[in-house]
Amino acid sequence: LAAEAKTLGLEPYVKHLHSLNTAF
């Protein structure tokens, strides 16, 4: 779903969510 995320400009959310979930 990377293409869809890019189309919607979700990359900052995805990056931040990955960082938070790693710390979690």
PDB file of all heavy atoms in Angstrom:
ATOM      1  N   LEU A   1       0.820  -1.210   0.000  1.00  0.00           N
ATOM      2  CA  LEU A   1       0.000   0.000   0.000  1.00  0.00           C
ATOM      3  C   LEU A   1       0.862   1.271   0.000  1.00  0.00           C
ATOM      4  O   LEU A   1       0.361   2.361   0.274  1.00  0.00           O
ATOM      5  CB  LEU A   1      -0.927   0.012   1.230  1.00  0.00           C
ATOM      6  CG  LEU A   1      -2.029  -1.055   1.232  1.00  0.00           C
ATOM      7  CD1 LEU A   1      -2.783  -1.025   2.560  1.00  0.00           C
ATOM      8  CD2 LEU A   1      -3.004  -0.838   0.076  1.00  0.00           C
ATOM      9  N   ALA A   2       2.145   1.115  -0.310  1.00  0.00           N
ATOM     10  CA  ALA A   2       3.053   2.270  -0.308  1.00  0.00           C
ATOM     11  C   ALA A   2       2.645   3.315  -1.339  1.00  0.00           C
ATOM     12  O   ALA A   2       2.729   4.530  -1.079  1.00  0.00           O
ATOM     13  CB  ALA A   2       4.484   1.804  -0.572  1.00  0.00           C
ATOM     14  N   ALA A   3       2.186   2.865  -2.515  1.00  0.00           N
ATOM     15  CA  ALA A   3       1.785   3.816  -3.560  1.00  0.00           C
ATOM     16  C   ALA A   3       0.587   4.636  -3.103  1.00  0.00           C
ATOM     17  O   ALA A   3       0.522   5.853  -3.327  1.00  0.00           O
ATOM     18  CB  ALA A   3       1.464   3.064  -4.856  1.00  0.00           C
ATOM     19  N   GLU A   4      -0.366   3.988  -2.485  1.00  0.00           N
ATOM     20  CA  GLU A   4      -1.553   4.695  -1.987  1.00  0.00           C
ATOM     21  C   GLU A   4      -1.163   5.701  -0.899  1.00  0.00           C
ATOM     22  O   GLU A   4      -1.691   6.826  -0.856  1.00  0.00           O
ATOM     23  CB  GLU A   4      -2.573   3.706  -1.439  1.00  0.00           C
ATOM     24  CG  GLU A   4      -3.372   2.954  -2.497  1.00  0.00           C
ATOM     25  CD  GLU A   4      -2.570   1.825  -3.150  1.00  0.00           C
ATOM     26  OE1 GLU A   4      -1.418   1.567  -2.713  1.00  0.00           O
ATOM     27  OE2 GLU A   4      -3.098   1.185  -4.067  1.00  0.00           O
ATOM     28  N   ALA A   5      -0.238   5.292  -0.010  1.00  0.00           N
ATOM     29  CA  ALA A   5       0.209   6.201   1.049  1.00  0.00           C
ATOM     30  C   ALA A   5       0.879   7.429   0.455  1.00  0.00           C
ATOM     31  O   ALA A   5       0.672   8.560   0.918  1.00  0.00           O
ATOM     32  CB  ALA A   5       1.161   5.465   1.997  1.00  0.00           C
ATOM     33  N   LYS A   6       1.666   7.226  -0.586  1.00  0.00           N
ATOM     34  CA  LYS A   6       2.348   8.339  -1.234  1.00  0.00           C
ATOM     35  C   LYS A   6       1.356   9.266  -1.924  1.00  0.00           C
ATOM     36  O   LYS A   6       1.479  10.498  -1.862  1.00  0.00           O
ATOM     37  CB  LYS A   6       3.367   7.815  -2.239  1.00  0.00           C
ATOM     38  CG  LYS A   6       4.211   8.900  -2.881  1.00  0.00           C
ATOM     39  CD  LYS A   6       5.291   8.306  -3.780  1.00  0.00           C
ATOM     40  CE  LYS A   6       6.161   9.412  -4.371  1.00  0.00           C
ATOM     41  NZ  LYS A   6       7.247   8.861  -5.230  1.00  0.00           N
ATOM     42  N   THR A   7       0.363   8.683  -2.572  1.00  0.00           N
ATOM     43  CA  THR A   7      -0.663   9.484  -3.246  1.00  0.00           C
ATOM     44  C   THR A   7      -1.377  10.397  -2.264  1.00  0.00           C
ATOM     45  O   THR A   7      -1.696  11.558  -2.587  1.00  0.00           O
ATOM     46  CB  THR A   7      -1.694   8.558  -3.931  1.00  0.00           C
ATOM     47  OG1 THR A   7      -1.033   7.774  -4.936  1.00  0.00           O
ATOM     48  CG2 THR A   7      -2.825   9.356  -4.565  1.00  0.00           C
ATOM     49  N   LEU A   8      -1.607   9.909  -1.063  1.00  0.00           N
ATOM     50  CA  LEU A   8      -2.337  10.676  -0.045  1.00  0.00           C
ATOM     51  C   LEU A   8      -1.406  11.525   0.828  1.00  0.00           C
ATOM     52  O   LEU A   8      -1.875  12.242   1.704  1.00  0.00           O
ATOM     53  CB  LEU A   8      -3.143   9.731   0.841  1.00  0.00           C
ATOM     54  CG  LEU A   8      -4.295   8.995   0.162  1.00  0.00           C
ATOM     55  CD1 LEU A   8      -4.886   7.950   1.082  1.00  0.00           C
ATOM     56  CD2 LEU A   8      -5.375   9.981  -0.282  1.00  0.00           C
ATOM     57  N   GLY A   9      -0.101  11.425   0.596  1.00  0.00           N
ATOM     58  CA  GLY A   9       0.844  12.193   1.403  1.00  0.00           C
ATOM     59  C   GLY A   9       0.918  11.723   2.846  1.00  0.00           C
ATOM     60  O   GLY A   9       1.104  12.532   3.771  1.00  0.00           O
ATOM     61  N   LEU A  10       0.810  10.406   3.042  1.00  0.00           N
ATOM     62  CA  LEU A  10       0.797   9.861   4.393  1.00  0.00           C
ATOM     63  C   LEU A  10       2.190   9.519   4.931  1.00  0.00           C
ATOM     64  O   LEU A  10       2.318   9.035   6.055  1.00  0.00           O
ATOM     65  CB  LEU A  10      -0.070   8.594   4.446  1.00  0.00           C
ATOM     66  CG  LEU A  10      -1.546   8.738   4.063  1.00  0.00           C
ATOM     67  CD1 LEU A  10      -2.253   7.394   4.196  1.00  0.00           C
ATOM     68  CD2 LEU A  10      -2.231   9.792   4.921  1.00  0.00           C
ATOM     69  N   GLU A  11       3.224   9.774   4.121  1.00  0.00           N
ATOM     70  CA  GLU A  11       4.571   9.363   4.538  1.00  0.00           C
ATOM     71  C   GLU A  11       4.972   9.895   5.920  1.00  0.00           C
ATOM     72  O   GLU A  11       5.528   9.140   6.732  1.00  0.00           O
ATOM     73  CB  GLU A  11       5.626   9.795   3.509  1.00  0.00           C
ATOM     74  CG  GLU A  11       5.509   9.098   2.164  1.00  0.00           C
ATOM     75  CD  GLU A  11       4.787   9.965   1.144  1.00  0.00           C
ATOM     76  OE1 GLU A  11       3.872  10.717   1.555  1.00  0.00           O
ATOM     77  OE2 GLU A  11       5.145   9.901  -0.042  1.00  0.00           O
ATOM     78  N   PRO A  12       4.695  11.173   6.269  1.00  0.00           N
ATOM     79  CA  PRO A  12       5.082  11.658   7.609  1.00  0.00           C
ATOM     80  C   PRO A  12       4.373  10.885   8.728  1.00  0.00           C
ATOM     81  O   PRO A  12       4.976  10.600   9.763  1.00  0.00           O
ATOM     82  CB  PRO A  12       4.657  13.132   7.593  1.00  0.00           C
ATOM     83  CG  PRO A  12       4.633  13.495   6.143  1.00  0.00           C
ATOM     84  CD  PRO A  12       4.164  12.263   5.429  1.00  0.00           C
ATOM     85  N   TYR A  13       3.093  10.559   8.495  1.00  0.00           N
ATOM     86  CA  TYR A  13       2.364   9.782   9.495  1.00  0.00           C
ATOM     87  C   TYR A  13       2.978   8.391   9.663  1.00  0.00           C
ATOM     88  O   TYR A  13       3.165   7.902  10.778  1.00  0.00           O
ATOM     89  CB  TYR A  13       0.892   9.614   9.083  1.00  0.00           C
ATOM     90  CG  TYR A  13       0.092  10.883   9.058  1.00  0.00           C
ATOM     91  CD1 TYR A  13      -0.219  11.513   7.859  1.00  0.00           C
ATOM     92  CD2 TYR A  13      -0.397  11.433  10.238  1.00  0.00           C
ATOM     93  CE1 TYR A  13      -0.975  12.666   7.826  1.00  0.00           C
ATOM     94  CE2 TYR A  13      -1.162  12.589  10.223  1.00  0.00           C
ATOM     95  CZ  TYR A  13      -1.457  13.209   9.008  1.00  0.00           C
ATOM     96  OH  TYR A  13      -2.211  14.348   8.996  1.00  0.00           O
ATOM     97  N   VAL A  14       3.272   7.765   8.521  1.00  0.00           N
ATOM     98  CA  VAL A  14       3.812   6.404   8.550  1.00  0.00           C
ATOM     99  C   VAL A  14       5.164   6.374   9.246  1.00  0.00           C
ATOM    100  O   VAL A  14       5.434   5.500  10.082  1.00  0.00           O
ATOM    101  CB  VAL A  14       3.928   5.834   7.115  1.00  0.00           C
ATOM    102  CG1 VAL A  14       4.592   4.459   7.151  1.00  0.00           C
ATOM    103  CG2 VAL A  14       2.558   5.751   6.457  1.00  0.00           C
ATOM    104  N   LYS A  15       6.007   7.352   8.928  1.00  0.00           N
ATOM    105  CA  LYS A  15       7.334   7.414   9.540  1.00  0.00           C
ATOM    106  C   LYS A  15       7.228   7.617  11.052  1.00  0.00           C
ATOM    107  O   LYS A  15       7.910   6.951  11.847  1.00  0.00           O
ATOM    108  CB  LYS A  15       8.142   8.545   8.908  1.00  0.00           C
ATOM    109  CG  LYS A  15       9.574   8.632   9.417  1.00  0.00           C
ATOM    110  CD  LYS A  15      10.334   9.739   8.682  1.00  0.00           C
ATOM    111  CE  LYS A  15      11.770   9.834   9.193  1.00  0.00           C
ATOM    112  NZ  LYS A  15      12.535  10.910   8.496  1.00  0.00           N
ATOM    113  N   HIS A  16       6.359   8.552  11.444  1.00  0.00           N
ATOM    114  CA  HIS A  16       6.191   8.836  12.880  1.00  0.00           C
ATOM    115  C   HIS A  16       5.578   7.644  13.605  1.00  0.00           C
ATOM    116  O   HIS A  16       5.988   7.304  14.722  1.00  0.00           O
ATOM    117  CB  HIS A  16       5.322  10.077  13.052  1.00  0.00           C
ATOM    118  CG  HIS A  16       5.259  10.583  14.460  1.00  0.00           C
ATOM    119  ND1 HIS A  16       6.377  10.786  15.240  1.00  0.00           N
ATOM    120  CD2 HIS A  16       4.181  10.901  15.251  1.00  0.00           C
ATOM    121  CE1 HIS A  16       6.011  11.227  16.429  1.00  0.00           C
ATOM    122  NE2 HIS A  16       4.689  11.299  16.461  1.00  0.00           N
ATOM    123  N   LEU A  17       4.613   6.997  12.961  1.00  0.00           N
ATOM    124  CA  LEU A  17       3.965   5.838  13.573  1.00  0.00           C
ATOM    125  C   LEU A  17       4.972   4.700  13.761  1.00  0.00           C
ATOM    126  O   LEU A  17       4.961   4.012  14.782  1.00  0.00           O
ATOM    127  CB  LEU A  17       2.799   5.391  12.689  1.00  0.00           C
ATOM    128  CG  LEU A  17       1.776   4.429  13.312  1.00  0.00           C
ATOM    129  CD1 LEU A  17       1.198   4.995  14.595  1.00  0.00           C
ATOM    130  CD2 LEU A  17       0.659   4.149  12.307  1.00  0.00           C
ATOM    131  N   HIS A  18       5.847   4.525  12.796  1.00  0.00           N
ATOM    132  CA  HIS A  18       6.875   3.490  12.912  1.00  0.00           C
ATOM    133  C   HIS A  18       7.803   3.786  14.092  1.00  0.00           C
ATOM    134  O   HIS A  18       8.119   2.881  14.892  1.00  0.00           O
ATOM    135  CB  HIS A  18       7.700   3.429  11.623  1.00  0.00           C
ATOM    136  CG  HIS A  18       8.897   2.522  11.730  1.00  0.00           C
ATOM    137  ND1 HIS A  18       8.795   1.159  11.863  1.00  0.00           N
ATOM    138  CD2 HIS A  18      10.233   2.809  11.746  1.00  0.00           C
ATOM    139  CE1 HIS A  18      10.002   0.634  11.949  1.00  0.00           C
ATOM    140  NE2 HIS A  18      10.889   1.613  11.883  1.00  0.00           N
ATOM    141  N   SER A  19       8.206   5.046  14.230  1.00  0.00           N
ATOM    142  CA  SER A  19       9.084   5.430  15.335  1.00  0.00           C
ATOM    143  C   SER A  19       8.409   5.207  16.686  1.00  0.00           C
ATOM    144  O   SER A  19       8.998   4.652  17.619  1.00  0.00           O
ATOM    145  CB  SER A  19       9.487   6.898  15.185  1.00  0.00           C
ATOM    146  OG  SER A  19      10.262   7.326  16.275  1.00  0.00           O
ATOM    147  N   LEU A  20       7.149   5.644  16.779  1.00  0.00           N
ATOM    148  CA  LEU A  20       6.417   5.484  18.038  1.00  0.00           C
ATOM    149  C   LEU A  20       6.202   4.016  18.379  1.00  0.00           C
ATOM    150  O   LEU A  20       6.374   3.598  19.533  1.00  0.00           O
ATOM    151  CB  LEU A  20       5.058   6.185  17.944  1.00  0.00           C
ATOM    152  CG  LEU A  20       5.057   7.712  17.928  1.00  0.00           C
ATOM    153  CD1 LEU A  20       3.647   8.228  17.702  1.00  0.00           C
ATOM    154  CD2 LEU A  20       5.613   8.256  19.243  1.00  0.00           C
ATOM    155  N   ASN A  21       5.826   3.224  17.389  1.00  0.00           N
ATOM    156  CA  ASN A  21       5.532   1.819  17.653  1.00  0.00           C
ATOM    157  C   ASN A  21       6.793   1.043  18.033  1.00  0.00           C
ATOM    158  O   ASN A  21       6.742   0.096  18.828  1.00  0.00           O
ATOM    159  CB  ASN A  21       4.868   1.181  16.431  1.00  0.00           C
ATOM    160  CG  ASN A  21       4.088  -0.059  16.792  1.00  0.00           C
ATOM    161  OD1 ASN A  21       3.297  -0.053  17.740  1.00  0.00           O
ATOM    162  ND2 ASN A  21       4.288  -1.142  16.065  1.00  0.00           N
ATOM    163  N   THR A  22       7.930   1.454  17.491  1.00  0.00           N
ATOM    164  CA  THR A  22       9.198   0.833  17.873  1.00  0.00           C
ATOM    165  C   THR A  22       9.504   1.113  19.337  1.00  0.00           C
ATOM    166  O   THR A  22       9.902   0.225  20.097  1.00  0.00           O
ATOM    167  CB  THR A  22      10.340   1.349  16.984  1.00  0.00           C
ATOM    168  OG1 THR A  22      10.064   1.018  15.620  1.00  0.00           O
ATOM    169  CG2 THR A  22      11.665   0.727  17.391  1.00  0.00           C
ATOM    170  N   ALA A  23       9.304   2.368  19.743  1.00  0.00           N
ATOM    171  CA  ALA A  23       9.522   2.730  21.142  1.00  0.00           C
ATOM    172  C   ALA A  23       8.508   2.030  22.054  1.00  0.00           C
ATOM    173  O   ALA A  23       8.837   1.614  23.172  1.00  0.00           O
ATOM    174  CB  ALA A  23       9.419   4.245  21.314  1.00  0.00           C
ATOM    175  N   PHE A  24       7.279   1.900  21.561  1.00  0.00           N
ATOM    176  CA  PHE A  24       6.233   1.196  22.307  1.00  0.00           C
ATOM    177  C   PHE A  24       6.651  -0.252  22.544  1.00  0.00           C
ATOM    178  O   PHE A  24       6.543  -0.789  23.654  1.00  0.00           O
ATOM    179  CB  PHE A  24       4.930   1.273  21.513  1.00  0.00           C
ATOM    180  CG  PHE A  24       3.724   0.740  22.219  1.00  0.00           C
ATOM    181  CD1 PHE A  24       3.590   0.802  23.592  1.00  0.00           C
ATOM    182  CD2 PHE A  24       2.674   0.176  21.482  1.00  0.00           C
ATOM    183  CE1 PHE A  24       2.449   0.316  24.233  1.00  0.00           C
ATOM    184  CE2 PHE A  24       1.546  -0.311  22.102  1.00  0.00           C
ATOM    185  CZ  PHE A  24       1.433  -0.232  23.482  1.00  0.00           C
TER     186      PHE A  24
END
